[in-house]
Amino acid sequence: MDFRGAHILSVQQFEREDVETVFRVADSMVPFAHRKQMTKVLDGAILGNMFFEPSTRTRVSFGCAFNLLGGDVRETTDVKTSSISKGESLYDTARVISGYSDVIVMRHPQVGAVAEFAKASRVPVINGGDGPNEHPSQALLDLYTIKKELASKGVQIDGMHIAMVGDLKHGRTVHSLSQLLILFDKIRFTLISPKELCMPEEIVSNLRAAGHEVVETEDMEEGLHGNDTVYLTRIQEERFNTKLEADVYRGRFRLNQAIYTRNCQPNTVIMHPLPRDSREDANELDNDLNQHPNLAIFRQTDNGVLVRMALFALILDVADRIGDTARPVHWYTEGRFDD
């Protein structure tokens, strides 16, 4: 695909070579994300960060990525503080905000709302999550993390085994990651969830049609066997009609040190898109794994900045100019970003 000026709305836009392009540019962003160097390649550019649903990592990560490239960020973080609360249409909002911005990141609770917004926008729009539908930048950073983690263990994405655990019905991160993995070869998916919260049938069918093996089970401990990566998700309470409906499933699938040791391979990578629900009745990823060397959840969040920097650089067509504008950072402290 031609990234220049493009909207990033779905992982289905990407071919495998596009993913490799994003990862190559993300690799080049390491010295800037780690504050060893700085660049002002986007000096004067403005990011409109529009989040109409709660977010910490995605919103701050996109803002940080844009700042590290030298740009400025303007944020809207609540429907109540926007004119949408007064009845303004997405079309009108898009026409206005795109006049104030060079690129926009948008999160919205309704499926398809970001794509609708993008149709009226005069600048590129990146989907920061639209309800239970998609989260393309999260899928890219997840896959980037999987690639790096498995490479350190001598394993490739092609042919890997991955278990996805939890609320697979509402989890947009697993939806987008699964569809991105269609681009690769001979992957075995073990989908572990209650039947009521299973992966949408369309995604399962697409995986099988692409030649991947898919096993669906409610038996977590059996499902954990033989995987290179375990990707956990929380119960998406905000997608249920009531908290009581979500409580039926909360805490049903938990990973702790004992379960990991009993069922996982010694090098199995542990991932989670965050936030993890650390409340006692949920706790899908226990704190007793916090110091485990295979816990990659915070390396995931670090990688999110790299991948989002890469997307901005490609969309705004500055990826080839960053090296020319680099200069050292004098406050850098050696070892600051070591895990």
C-alpha atoms as a PDB file:
ATOM      1  CA  MET A   1       0.000   0.000   0.000  1.00  0.00           C
ATOM      2  CA  ASP A   2       0.981   3.620  -0.380  1.00  0.00           C
ATOM      3  CA  PHE A   3       1.170   4.938   3.188  1.00  0.00           C
ATOM      4  CA  ARG A   4       1.431   8.591   2.185  1.00  0.00           C
ATOM      5  CA  GLY A   5      -1.710  10.389   3.304  1.00  0.00           C
ATOM      6  CA  ALA A   6      -3.514   7.098   3.937  1.00  0.00           C
ATOM      7  CA  HIS A   7      -6.172   6.394   6.555  1.00  0.00           C
ATOM      8  CA  ILE A   8      -5.305   3.410   8.782  1.00  0.00           C
ATOM      9  CA  LEU A   9      -8.718   1.948   9.613  1.00  0.00           C
ATOM     10  CA  SER A  10      -8.311  -1.837   9.441  1.00  0.00           C
ATOM     11  CA  VAL A  11      -5.552  -4.438   9.382  1.00  0.00           C
ATOM     12  CA  GLN A  12      -7.230  -5.789   6.258  1.00  0.00           C
ATOM     13  CA  GLN A  13      -5.606  -2.901   4.388  1.00  0.00           C
ATOM     14  CA  PHE A  14      -2.183  -4.506   4.832  1.00  0.00           C
ATOM     15  CA  GLU A  15      -0.215  -6.984   2.798  1.00  0.00           C
ATOM     16  CA  ARG A  16       2.688  -8.792   4.413  1.00  0.00           C
ATOM     17  CA  GLU A  17       5.217  -6.451   2.809  1.00  0.00           C
ATOM     18  CA  ASP A  18       3.349  -3.477   4.328  1.00  0.00           C
ATOM     19  CA  VAL A  19       3.707  -4.996   7.780  1.00  0.00           C
ATOM     20  CA  GLU A  20       7.411  -5.539   7.160  1.00  0.00           C
ATOM     21  CA  THR A  21       7.745  -1.887   6.086  1.00  0.00           C
ATOM     22  CA  VAL A  22       6.149  -0.703   9.346  1.00  0.00           C
ATOM     23  CA  PHE A  23       8.466  -2.970  11.357  1.00  0.00           C
ATOM     24  CA  ARG A  24      11.558  -1.779   9.480  1.00  0.00           C
ATOM     25  CA  VAL A  25      10.712   1.860  10.196  1.00  0.00           C
ATOM     26  CA  ALA A  26       9.807   1.000  13.806  1.00  0.00           C
ATOM     27  CA  ASP A  27      13.285  -0.508  14.266  1.00  0.00           C
ATOM     28  CA  SER A  28      14.817   2.768  13.110  1.00  0.00           C
ATOM     29  CA  MET A  29      12.852   4.658  15.790  1.00  0.00           C
ATOM     30  CA  VAL A  30      14.563   2.943  18.744  1.00  0.00           C
ATOM     31  CA  PRO A  31      17.193   5.653  19.452  1.00  0.00           C
ATOM     32  CA  PHE A  32      14.493   8.342  19.412  1.00  0.00           C
ATOM     33  CA  ALA A  33      12.026   6.434  21.583  1.00  0.00           C
ATOM     34  CA  HIS A  34      14.863   5.649  24.015  1.00  0.00           C
ATOM     35  CA  ARG A  35      15.853   9.345  24.100  1.00  0.00           C
ATOM     36  CA  LYS A  36      19.363   8.696  22.792  1.00  0.00           C
ATOM     37  CA  GLN A  37      18.611  10.986  19.862  1.00  0.00           C
ATOM     38  CA  MET A  38      15.979  13.558  19.058  1.00  0.00           C
ATOM     39  CA  THR A  39      14.370  14.801  15.853  1.00  0.00           C
ATOM     40  CA  LYS A  40      12.135  17.705  14.885  1.00  0.00           C
ATOM     41  CA  VAL A  41      11.083  16.185  11.574  1.00  0.00           C
ATOM     42  CA  LEU A  42       7.405  16.947  12.366  1.00  0.00           C
ATOM     43  CA  ASP A  43       8.076  20.402  13.803  1.00  0.00           C
ATOM     44  CA  GLY A  44       4.915  22.470  13.271  1.00  0.00           C
ATOM     45  CA  ALA A  45       2.678  19.448  12.640  1.00  0.00           C
ATOM     46  CA  ILE A  46      -0.410  18.888  14.808  1.00  0.00           C
ATOM     47  CA  LEU A  47      -1.980  15.601  15.902  1.00  0.00           C
ATOM     48  CA  GLY A  48      -5.666  15.670  16.786  1.00  0.00           C
ATOM     49  CA  ASN A  49      -6.102  12.953  19.433  1.00  0.00           C
ATOM     50  CA  MET A  50      -9.856  12.317  19.678  1.00  0.00           C
ATOM     51  CA  PHE A  51     -10.790   9.677  22.250  1.00  0.00           C
ATOM     52  CA  PHE A  52     -14.503   9.263  22.877  1.00  0.00           C
ATOM     53  CA  GLU A  53     -13.921   6.152  24.986  1.00  0.00           C
ATOM     54  CA  PRO A  54     -11.584   5.738  27.987  1.00  0.00           C
ATOM     55  CA  SER A  55      -7.929   5.102  27.129  1.00  0.00           C
ATOM     56  CA  THR A  56      -4.569   5.407  28.802  1.00  0.00           C
ATOM     57  CA  ARG A  57      -1.929   3.505  26.822  1.00  0.00           C
ATOM     58  CA  THR A  58      -3.255   4.091  23.318  1.00  0.00           C
ATOM     59  CA  ARG A  59      -3.949   7.801  23.783  1.00  0.00           C
ATOM     60  CA  VAL A  60      -0.687   8.598  25.598  1.00  0.00           C
ATOM     61  CA  SER A  61       1.335   6.331  23.318  1.00  0.00           C
ATOM     62  CA  PHE A  62       0.119   8.067  20.162  1.00  0.00           C
ATOM     63  CA  GLY A  63       0.747  11.463  21.749  1.00  0.00           C
ATOM     64  CA  CYS A  64       4.211  10.463  22.909  1.00  0.00           C
ATOM     65  CA  ALA A  65       5.064   9.060  19.465  1.00  0.00           C
ATOM     66  CA  PHE A  66       4.056  12.311  17.770  1.00  0.00           C
ATOM     67  CA  ASN A  67       5.954  14.443  20.305  1.00  0.00           C
ATOM     68  CA  LEU A  68       9.098  12.346  19.822  1.00  0.00           C
ATOM     69  CA  LEU A  69       8.963  13.205  16.110  1.00  0.00           C
ATOM     70  CA  GLY A  70       8.770  16.902  16.986  1.00  0.00           C
ATOM     71  CA  GLY A  71       5.023  17.485  16.559  1.00  0.00           C
ATOM     72  CA  ASP A  72       2.364  18.950  18.833  1.00  0.00           C
ATOM     73  CA  VAL A  73      -0.722  17.194  20.206  1.00  0.00           C
ATOM     74  CA  ARG A  74      -4.248  18.512  20.795  1.00  0.00           C
ATOM     75  CA  GLU A  75      -6.642  16.232  22.671  1.00  0.00           C
ATOM     76  CA  THR A  76     -10.348  15.639  23.147  1.00  0.00           C
ATOM     77  CA  THR A  77     -10.890  12.950  25.760  1.00  0.00           C
ATOM     78  CA  ASP A  78     -14.615  12.881  26.470  1.00  0.00           C
ATOM     79  CA  VAL A  79     -17.792  13.123  24.414  1.00  0.00           C
ATOM     80  CA  LYS A  80     -19.177  15.469  27.092  1.00  0.00           C
ATOM     81  CA  THR A  81     -16.468  18.034  26.331  1.00  0.00           C
ATOM     82  CA  SER A  82     -17.067  17.943  22.575  1.00  0.00           C
ATOM     83  CA  SER A  83     -19.802  19.373  20.398  1.00  0.00           C
ATOM     84  CA  ILE A  84     -20.988  15.829  19.676  1.00  0.00           C
ATOM     85  CA  SER A  85     -22.767  16.094  23.027  1.00  0.00           C
ATOM     86  CA  LYS A  86     -24.743  18.973  21.479  1.00  0.00           C
ATOM     87  CA  GLY A  87     -25.839  16.854  18.548  1.00  0.00           C
ATOM     88  CA  GLU A  88     -23.047  17.626  16.083  1.00  0.00           C
ATOM     89  CA  SER A  89     -22.600  14.912  13.443  1.00  0.00           C
ATOM     90  CA  LEU A  90     -19.380  12.989  12.881  1.00  0.00           C
ATOM     91  CA  TYR A  91     -19.281  14.579   9.426  1.00  0.00           C
ATOM     92  CA  ASP A  92     -19.270  18.116  10.810  1.00  0.00           C
ATOM     93  CA  THR A  93     -16.787  17.220  13.541  1.00  0.00           C
ATOM     94  CA  ALA A  94     -14.451  15.657  10.979  1.00  0.00           C
ATOM     95  CA  ARG A  95     -14.625  18.677   8.672  1.00  0.00           C
ATOM     96  CA  VAL A  96     -13.794  21.027  11.545  1.00  0.00           C
ATOM     97  CA  ILE A  97     -11.080  19.077  13.378  1.00  0.00           C
ATOM     98  CA  SER A  98      -9.301  18.084  10.175  1.00  0.00           C
ATOM     99  CA  GLY A  99      -8.911  21.799   9.494  1.00  0.00           C
ATOM    100  CA  TYR A 100      -6.964  22.094  12.748  1.00  0.00           C
ATOM    101  CA  SER A 101      -4.810  18.964  12.356  1.00  0.00           C
ATOM    102  CA  ASP A 102      -2.331  17.248  10.062  1.00  0.00           C
ATOM    103  CA  VAL A 103      -3.336  13.755  11.208  1.00  0.00           C
ATOM    104  CA  ILE A 104      -6.058  12.483  13.548  1.00  0.00           C
ATOM    105  CA  VAL A 105      -6.247   9.461  15.842  1.00  0.00           C
ATOM    106  CA  MET A 106      -9.790   8.567  16.859  1.00  0.00           C
ATOM    107  CA  ARG A 107     -11.347   6.084  19.281  1.00  0.00           C
ATOM    108  CA  HIS A 108     -15.102   5.628  19.350  1.00  0.00           C
ATOM    109  CA  PRO A 109     -17.402   3.098  21.058  1.00  0.00           C
ATOM    110  CA  GLN A 110     -19.448   2.429  17.906  1.00  0.00           C
ATOM    111  CA  VAL A 111     -18.366  -0.033  15.227  1.00  0.00           C
ATOM    112  CA  GLY A 112     -17.629   1.813  11.973  1.00  0.00           C
ATOM    113  CA  ALA A 113     -17.697   5.302  13.503  1.00  0.00           C
ATOM    114  CA  VAL A 114     -14.009   5.968  12.793  1.00  0.00           C
ATOM    115  CA  ALA A 115     -14.426   4.947   9.151  1.00  0.00           C
ATOM    116  CA  GLU A 116     -17.444   7.240   8.865  1.00  0.00           C
ATOM    117  CA  PHE A 117     -15.406  10.073  10.391  1.00  0.00           C
ATOM    118  CA  ALA A 118     -12.534   9.407   7.979  1.00  0.00           C
ATOM    119  CA  LYS A 119     -14.793   9.817   4.934  1.00  0.00           C
ATOM    120  CA  ALA A 120     -15.309  13.473   5.851  1.00  0.00           C
ATOM    121  CA  SER A 121     -11.797  14.197   7.115  1.00  0.00           C
ATOM    122  CA  ARG A 122      -9.413  16.286   5.056  1.00  0.00           C
ATOM    123  CA  VAL A 123      -6.358  14.659   6.684  1.00  0.00           C
ATOM    124  CA  PRO A 124      -5.325  11.038   7.433  1.00  0.00           C
ATOM    125  CA  VAL A 125      -7.201   9.264  10.231  1.00  0.00           C
ATOM    126  CA  ILE A 126      -5.906   6.354  12.324  1.00  0.00           C
ATOM    127  CA  ASN A 127      -8.382   4.041  14.020  1.00  0.00           C
ATOM    128  CA  GLY A 128      -7.549   3.948  17.746  1.00  0.00           C
ATOM    129  CA  GLY A 129     -10.329   1.406  18.343  1.00  0.00           C
ATOM    130  CA  ASP A 130     -13.961   1.343  17.230  1.00  0.00           C
ATOM    131  CA  GLY A 131     -16.042  -0.578  19.737  1.00  0.00           C
ATOM    132  CA  PRO A 132     -15.469  -4.345  19.609  1.00  0.00           C
ATOM    133  CA  ASN A 133     -14.460  -4.156  15.951  1.00  0.00           C
ATOM    134  CA  GLU A 134     -10.786  -3.338  15.275  1.00  0.00           C
ATOM    135  CA  HIS A 135      -7.637  -1.817  16.741  1.00  0.00           C
ATOM    136  CA  PRO A 136      -5.075  -1.893  13.911  1.00  0.00           C
ATOM    137  CA  SER A 137      -2.142  -0.157  15.608  1.00  0.00           C
ATOM    138  CA  GLN A 138      -2.486  -2.504  18.605  1.00  0.00           C
ATOM    139  CA  ALA A 139      -2.365  -5.509  16.278  1.00  0.00           C
ATOM    140  CA  LEU A 140       0.784  -4.148  14.641  1.00  0.00           C
ATOM    141  CA  LEU A 141       2.533  -3.562  17.954  1.00  0.00           C
ATOM    142  CA  ASP A 142       1.419  -6.980  19.210  1.00  0.00           C
ATOM    143  CA  LEU A 143       2.809  -8.686  16.126  1.00  0.00           C
ATOM    144  CA  TYR A 144       5.999  -6.623  16.345  1.00  0.00           C
ATOM    145  CA  THR A 145       6.368  -7.781  19.946  1.00  0.00           C
ATOM    146  CA  ILE A 146       5.710 -11.408  19.035  1.00  0.00           C
ATOM    147  CA  LYS A 147       8.334 -11.210  16.292  1.00  0.00           C
ATOM    148  CA  LYS A 148      10.973  -9.770  18.624  1.00  0.00           C
ATOM    149  CA  GLU A 149      10.176 -12.062  21.541  1.00  0.00           C
ATOM    150  CA  LEU A 150      10.143 -15.239  19.468  1.00  0.00           C
ATOM    151  CA  ALA A 151      13.275 -14.273  17.531  1.00  0.00           C
ATOM    152  CA  SER A 152      15.190 -14.165  20.808  1.00  0.00           C
ATOM    153  CA  LYS A 153      14.139 -17.811  21.300  1.00  0.00           C
ATOM    154  CA  GLY A 154      14.876 -18.941  17.752  1.00  0.00           C
ATOM    155  CA  VAL A 155      11.207 -19.102  16.659  1.00  0.00           C
ATOM    156  CA  GLN A 156       9.524 -17.384  13.700  1.00  0.00           C
ATOM    157  CA  ILE A 157       5.969 -16.128  13.263  1.00  0.00           C
ATOM    158  CA  ASP A 158       5.463 -18.582  10.415  1.00  0.00           C
ATOM    159  CA  GLY A 159       4.646 -21.924  11.992  1.00  0.00           C
ATOM    160  CA  MET A 160       4.236 -20.617  15.538  1.00  0.00           C
ATOM    161  CA  HIS A 161       1.606 -21.758  18.043  1.00  0.00           C
ATOM    162  CA  ILE A 162      -0.443 -19.086  19.821  1.00  0.00           C
ATOM    163  CA  ALA A 163      -3.166 -19.335  22.453  1.00  0.00           C
ATOM    164  CA  MET A 164      -5.683 -16.507  22.790  1.00  0.00           C
ATOM    165  CA  VAL A 165      -7.519 -16.509  26.106  1.00  0.00           C
ATOM    166  CA  GLY A 166     -10.555 -14.719  27.544  1.00  0.00           C
ATOM    167  CA  ASP A 167     -13.253 -12.542  26.012  1.00  0.00           C
ATOM    168  CA  LEU A 168     -12.618 -13.273  22.354  1.00  0.00           C
ATOM    169  CA  LYS A 169     -16.076 -12.102  21.294  1.00  0.00           C
ATOM    170  CA  HIS A 170     -15.648  -8.476  22.343  1.00  0.00           C
ATOM    171  CA  GLY A 171     -11.840  -8.179  22.318  1.00  0.00           C
ATOM    172  CA  ARG A 172     -10.976  -5.986  19.339  1.00  0.00           C
ATOM    173  CA  THR A 173      -7.253  -6.581  19.922  1.00  0.00           C
ATOM    174  CA  VAL A 174      -7.540 -10.325  19.255  1.00  0.00           C
ATOM    175  CA  HIS A 175      -9.828  -9.635  16.284  1.00  0.00           C
ATOM    176  CA  SER A 176      -7.246  -7.413  14.604  1.00  0.00           C
ATOM    177  CA  LEU A 177      -4.259  -9.576  15.560  1.00  0.00           C
ATOM    178  CA  SER A 178      -5.934 -12.720  14.209  1.00  0.00           C
ATOM    179  CA  GLN A 179      -6.713 -11.030  10.907  1.00  0.00           C
ATOM    180  CA  LEU A 180      -3.158  -9.707  10.641  1.00  0.00           C
ATOM    181  CA  LEU A 181      -1.755 -13.199  11.248  1.00  0.00           C
ATOM    182  CA  ILE A 182      -3.707 -14.430   8.207  1.00  0.00           C
ATOM    183  CA  LEU A 183      -0.821 -12.947   6.196  1.00  0.00           C
ATOM    184  CA  PHE A 184       1.584 -15.512   7.654  1.00  0.00           C
ATOM    185  CA  ASP A 185       1.937 -19.283   7.183  1.00  0.00           C
ATOM    186  CA  LYS A 186       0.873 -22.422   9.055  1.00  0.00           C
ATOM    187  CA  ILE A 187       0.066 -20.928  12.455  1.00  0.00           C
ATOM    188  CA  ARG A 188      -1.787 -22.964  15.065  1.00  0.00           C
ATOM    189  CA  PHE A 189      -4.382 -20.993  17.005  1.00  0.00           C
ATOM    190  CA  THR A 190      -5.827 -22.288  20.275  1.00  0.00           C
ATOM    191  CA  LEU A 191      -8.825 -20.126  21.177  1.00  0.00           C
ATOM    192  CA  ILE A 192      -9.698 -20.467  24.866  1.00  0.00           C
ATOM    193  CA  SER A 193     -12.958 -18.868  25.995  1.00  0.00           C
ATOM    194  CA  PRO A 194     -16.456 -19.565  27.256  1.00  0.00           C
ATOM    195  CA  LYS A 195     -18.684 -20.598  24.349  1.00  0.00           C
ATOM    196  CA  GLU A 196     -20.689 -17.410  24.838  1.00  0.00           C
ATOM    197  CA  LEU A 197     -17.540 -15.295  24.378  1.00  0.00           C
ATOM    198  CA  CYS A 198     -15.887 -17.214  21.545  1.00  0.00           C
ATOM    199  CA  MET A 199     -14.079 -15.661  18.591  1.00  0.00           C
ATOM    200  CA  PRO A 200     -16.506 -14.443  15.874  1.00  0.00           C
ATOM    201  CA  GLU A 201     -17.153 -17.217  13.364  1.00  0.00           C
ATOM    202  CA  GLU A 202     -16.147 -15.006  10.422  1.00  0.00           C
ATOM    203  CA  ILE A 203     -12.632 -14.610  11.831  1.00  0.00           C
ATOM    204  CA  VAL A 204     -12.317 -18.337  12.598  1.00  0.00           C
ATOM    205  CA  SER A 205     -13.451 -19.177   9.055  1.00  0.00           C
ATOM    206  CA  ASN A 206     -10.964 -16.721   7.565  1.00  0.00           C
ATOM    207  CA  LEU A 207      -8.121 -18.253   9.561  1.00  0.00           C
ATOM    208  CA  ARG A 208      -8.970 -21.762   8.422  1.00  0.00           C
ATOM    209  CA  ALA A 209      -9.440 -20.642   4.822  1.00  0.00           C
ATOM    210  CA  ALA A 210      -5.910 -19.188   4.925  1.00  0.00           C
ATOM    211  CA  GLY A 211      -4.507 -22.603   5.899  1.00  0.00           C
ATOM    212  CA  HIS A 212      -4.110 -22.087   9.653  1.00  0.00           C
ATOM    213  CA  GLU A 213      -5.105 -24.660  12.263  1.00  0.00           C
ATOM    214  CA  VAL A 214      -7.741 -23.468  14.739  1.00  0.00           C
ATOM    215  CA  VAL A 215      -8.719 -25.274  17.943  1.00  0.00           C
ATOM    216  CA  GLU A 216     -11.487 -23.860  20.146  1.00  0.00           C
ATOM    217  CA  THR A 217     -11.780 -24.980  23.767  1.00  0.00           C
ATOM    218  CA  GLU A 218     -13.076 -24.012  27.196  1.00  0.00           C
ATOM    219  CA  ASP A 219     -10.324 -26.015  28.916  1.00  0.00           C
ATOM    220  CA  MET A 220      -7.668 -23.427  29.695  1.00  0.00           C
ATOM    221  CA  GLU A 221      -5.009 -25.702  31.162  1.00  0.00           C
ATOM    222  CA  GLU A 222      -5.216 -28.172  28.291  1.00  0.00           C
ATOM    223  CA  GLY A 223      -5.290 -25.316  25.790  1.00  0.00           C
ATOM    224  CA  LEU A 224      -2.087 -23.791  27.153  1.00  0.00           C
ATOM    225  CA  HIS A 225       0.040 -26.805  26.220  1.00  0.00           C
ATOM    226  CA  GLY A 226       2.565 -26.439  23.415  1.00  0.00           C
ATOM    227  CA  ASN A 227       2.214 -22.735  22.643  1.00  0.00           C
ATOM    228  CA  ASP A 228       4.976 -20.273  21.838  1.00  0.00           C
ATOM    229  CA  THR A 229       2.821 -17.309  22.899  1.00  0.00           C
ATOM    230  CA  VAL A 230      -0.141 -16.903  25.250  1.00  0.00           C
ATOM    231  CA  TYR A 231      -2.204 -13.765  24.651  1.00  0.00           C
ATOM    232  CA  LEU A 232      -4.668 -13.001  27.449  1.00  0.00           C
ATOM    233  CA  THR A 233      -7.570 -10.562  27.410  1.00  0.00           C
ATOM    234  CA  ARG A 234      -9.818  -9.227  30.142  1.00  0.00           C
ATOM    235  CA  ILE A 235     -13.585  -9.528  30.251  1.00  0.00           C
ATOM    236  CA  GLN A 236     -14.752  -6.460  28.330  1.00  0.00           C
ATOM    237  CA  GLU A 237     -17.269  -5.242  30.907  1.00  0.00           C
ATOM    238  CA  GLU A 238     -18.089  -2.119  28.906  1.00  0.00           C
ATOM    239  CA  ARG A 239     -19.416  -4.287  26.033  1.00  0.00           C
ATOM    240  CA  PHE A 240     -22.020  -6.031  28.224  1.00  0.00           C
ATOM    241  CA  ASN A 241     -25.457  -4.649  28.994  1.00  0.00           C
ATOM    242  CA  THR A 242     -24.811  -4.767  32.744  1.00  0.00           C
ATOM    243  CA  LYS A 243     -21.970  -5.429  35.131  1.00  0.00           C
ATOM    244  CA  LEU A 244     -23.844  -8.492  36.401  1.00  0.00           C
ATOM    245  CA  GLU A 245     -23.691 -10.043  32.922  1.00  0.00           C
ATOM    246  CA  ALA A 246     -19.930  -9.534  32.817  1.00  0.00           C
ATOM    247  CA  ASP A 247     -19.513 -10.914  36.344  1.00  0.00           C
ATOM    248  CA  VAL A 248     -20.727 -14.311  35.134  1.00  0.00           C
ATOM    249  CA  TYR A 249     -17.438 -14.722  33.240  1.00  0.00           C
ATOM    250  CA  ARG A 250     -15.043 -12.626  35.303  1.00  0.00           C
ATOM    251  CA  GLY A 251     -12.168 -14.599  36.782  1.00  0.00           C
ATOM    252  CA  ARG A 252     -12.987 -17.812  34.912  1.00  0.00           C
ATOM    253  CA  PHE A 253      -9.645 -17.926  33.081  1.00  0.00           C
ATOM    254  CA  ARG A 254      -6.618 -16.866  35.120  1.00  0.00           C
ATOM    255  CA  LEU A 255      -2.917 -17.286  34.505  1.00  0.00           C
ATOM    256  CA  ASN A 256      -0.581 -17.347  37.482  1.00  0.00           C
ATOM    257  CA  GLN A 257       2.876 -18.760  38.137  1.00  0.00           C
ATOM    258  CA  ALA A 258       1.611 -22.203  39.167  1.00  0.00           C
ATOM    259  CA  ILE A 259      -0.642 -22.622  36.108  1.00  0.00           C
ATOM    260  CA  TYR A 260       2.105 -21.328  33.810  1.00  0.00           C
ATOM    261  CA  THR A 261       4.706 -23.722  35.230  1.00  0.00           C
ATOM    262  CA  ARG A 262       2.308 -26.662  35.073  1.00  0.00           C
ATOM    263  CA  ASN A 263       1.058 -26.137  31.522  1.00  0.00           C
ATOM    264  CA  CYS A 264       3.300 -23.846  29.465  1.00  0.00           C
ATOM    265  CA  GLN A 265       6.632 -24.420  27.805  1.00  0.00           C
ATOM    266  CA  PRO A 266       9.590 -22.828  29.638  1.00  0.00           C
ATOM    267  CA  ASN A 267       9.955 -20.149  26.936  1.00  0.00           C
ATOM    268  CA  THR A 268       6.272 -19.374  26.324  1.00  0.00           C
ATOM    269  CA  VAL A 269       5.818 -15.612  25.875  1.00  0.00           C
ATOM    270  CA  ILE A 270       3.065 -14.013  27.997  1.00  0.00           C
ATOM    271  CA  MET A 271       1.181 -11.098  26.411  1.00  0.00           C
ATOM    272  CA  HIS A 272      -1.792  -8.914  27.304  1.00  0.00           C
ATOM    273  CA  PRO A 273      -2.964  -5.704  25.589  1.00  0.00           C
ATOM    274  CA  LEU A 274      -3.673  -4.054  28.963  1.00  0.00           C
ATOM    275  CA  PRO A 275      -5.300  -2.896  31.058  1.00  0.00           C
ATOM    276  CA  ARG A 276      -5.321  -6.141  32.979  1.00  0.00           C
ATOM    277  CA  ASP A 277      -8.077  -6.385  35.557  1.00  0.00           C
ATOM    278  CA  SER A 278      -6.214  -6.792  38.852  1.00  0.00           C
ATOM    279  CA  ARG A 279      -9.327  -6.849  41.030  1.00  0.00           C
ATOM    280  CA  GLU A 280      -9.524  -9.948  43.195  1.00  0.00           C
ATOM    281  CA  ASP A 281     -12.575 -11.353  41.415  1.00  0.00           C
ATOM    282  CA  ALA A 282     -10.894 -11.054  38.014  1.00  0.00           C
ATOM    283  CA  ASN A 283      -7.078 -11.093  38.058  1.00  0.00           C
ATOM    284  CA  GLU A 284      -6.728 -12.757  34.647  1.00  0.00           C
ATOM    285  CA  LEU A 285      -2.950 -12.198  34.750  1.00  0.00           C
ATOM    286  CA  ASP A 286      -1.591 -12.555  38.255  1.00  0.00           C
ATOM    287  CA  ASN A 287       0.974 -10.225  39.791  1.00  0.00           C
ATOM    288  CA  ASP A 288       3.072 -13.232  40.796  1.00  0.00           C
ATOM    289  CA  LEU A 289       4.255 -13.278  37.156  1.00  0.00           C
ATOM    290  CA  ASN A 290       5.445  -9.658  37.240  1.00  0.00           C
ATOM    291  CA  GLN A 291       9.133 -10.574  37.415  1.00  0.00           C
ATOM    292  CA  HIS A 292       8.925 -13.503  35.019  1.00  0.00           C
ATOM    293  CA  PRO A 293      11.381 -13.045  32.134  1.00  0.00           C
ATOM    294  CA  ASN A 294       8.789 -14.194  29.592  1.00  0.00           C
ATOM    295  CA  LEU A 295       6.227 -11.592  30.672  1.00  0.00           C
ATOM    296  CA  ALA A 296       6.249  -9.214  27.689  1.00  0.00           C
ATOM    297  CA  ILE A 297       3.357  -6.888  28.578  1.00  0.00           C
ATOM    298  CA  PHE A 298       5.514  -3.866  29.337  1.00  0.00           C
ATOM    299  CA  ARG A 299       7.765  -4.506  26.366  1.00  0.00           C
ATOM    300  CA  GLN A 300       4.511  -4.461  24.378  1.00  0.00           C
ATOM    301  CA  THR A 301       3.701  -0.967  25.598  1.00  0.00           C
ATOM    302  CA  ASP A 302       7.224   0.244  24.799  1.00  0.00           C
ATOM    303  CA  ASN A 303       6.918  -1.238  21.311  1.00  0.00           C
ATOM    304  CA  GLY A 304       3.653   0.634  20.852  1.00  0.00           C
ATOM    305  CA  VAL A 305       5.537   3.919  20.739  1.00  0.00           C
ATOM    306  CA  LEU A 306       7.923   2.581  18.072  1.00  0.00           C
ATOM    307  CA  VAL A 307       5.133   1.275  15.861  1.00  0.00           C
ATOM    308  CA  ARG A 308       3.056   4.439  16.182  1.00  0.00           C
ATOM    309  CA  MET A 309       6.083   6.592  15.411  1.00  0.00           C
ATOM    310  CA  ALA A 310       6.550   4.462  12.297  1.00  0.00           C
ATOM    311  CA  LEU A 311       2.926   4.938  11.228  1.00  0.00           C
ATOM    312  CA  PHE A 312       3.157   8.712  11.604  1.00  0.00           C
ATOM    313  CA  ALA A 313       6.461   8.819   9.723  1.00  0.00           C
ATOM    314  CA  LEU A 314       5.072   6.759   6.848  1.00  0.00           C
ATOM    315  CA  ILE A 315       1.698   8.486   6.621  1.00  0.00           C
ATOM    316  CA  LEU A 316       3.246  11.971   6.705  1.00  0.00           C
ATOM    317  CA  ASP A 317       6.065  10.857   4.372  1.00  0.00           C
ATOM    318  CA  VAL A 318       9.027  11.774   6.589  1.00  0.00           C
ATOM    319  CA  ALA A 319      10.486   8.303   7.274  1.00  0.00           C
ATOM    320  CA  ASP A 320      13.450   8.892   4.948  1.00  0.00           C
ATOM    321  CA  ARG A 321      14.225  12.316   6.437  1.00  0.00           C
ATOM    322  CA  ILE A 322      14.460  11.430  10.121  1.00  0.00           C
ATOM    323  CA  GLY A 323      18.108  10.437  10.049  1.00  0.00           C
ATOM    324  CA  ASP A 324      19.046  13.790   8.508  1.00  0.00           C
ATOM    325  CA  THR A 325      17.447  15.686  11.403  1.00  0.00           C
ATOM    326  CA  ALA A 326      18.743  13.512  14.277  1.00  0.00           C
ATOM    327  CA  ARG A 327      20.859  14.976  17.018  1.00  0.00           C
ATOM    328  CA  PRO A 328      22.061  13.647  20.388  1.00  0.00           C
ATOM    329  CA  VAL A 329      20.066  14.069  23.582  1.00  0.00           C
ATOM    330  CA  HIS A 330      22.189  15.407  26.417  1.00  0.00           C
ATOM    331  CA  TRP A 331      19.971  14.210  29.266  1.00  0.00           C
ATOM    332  CA  TYR A 332      20.030  10.559  28.140  1.00  0.00           C
ATOM    333  CA  THR A 333      21.006   8.162  30.955  1.00  0.00           C
ATOM    334  CA  GLU A 334      22.604   4.854  29.948  1.00  0.00           C
ATOM    335  CA  GLY A 335      20.474   1.848  30.891  1.00  0.00           C
ATOM    336  CA  ARG A 336      17.341   3.926  31.468  1.00  0.00           C
ATOM    337  CA  PHE A 337      15.224   1.787  29.161  1.00  0.00           C
ATOM    338  CA  ASP A 338      16.711  -1.602  29.972  1.00  0.00           C
ATOM    339  CA  ASP A 339      14.059  -4.120  30.999  1.00  0.00           C
END
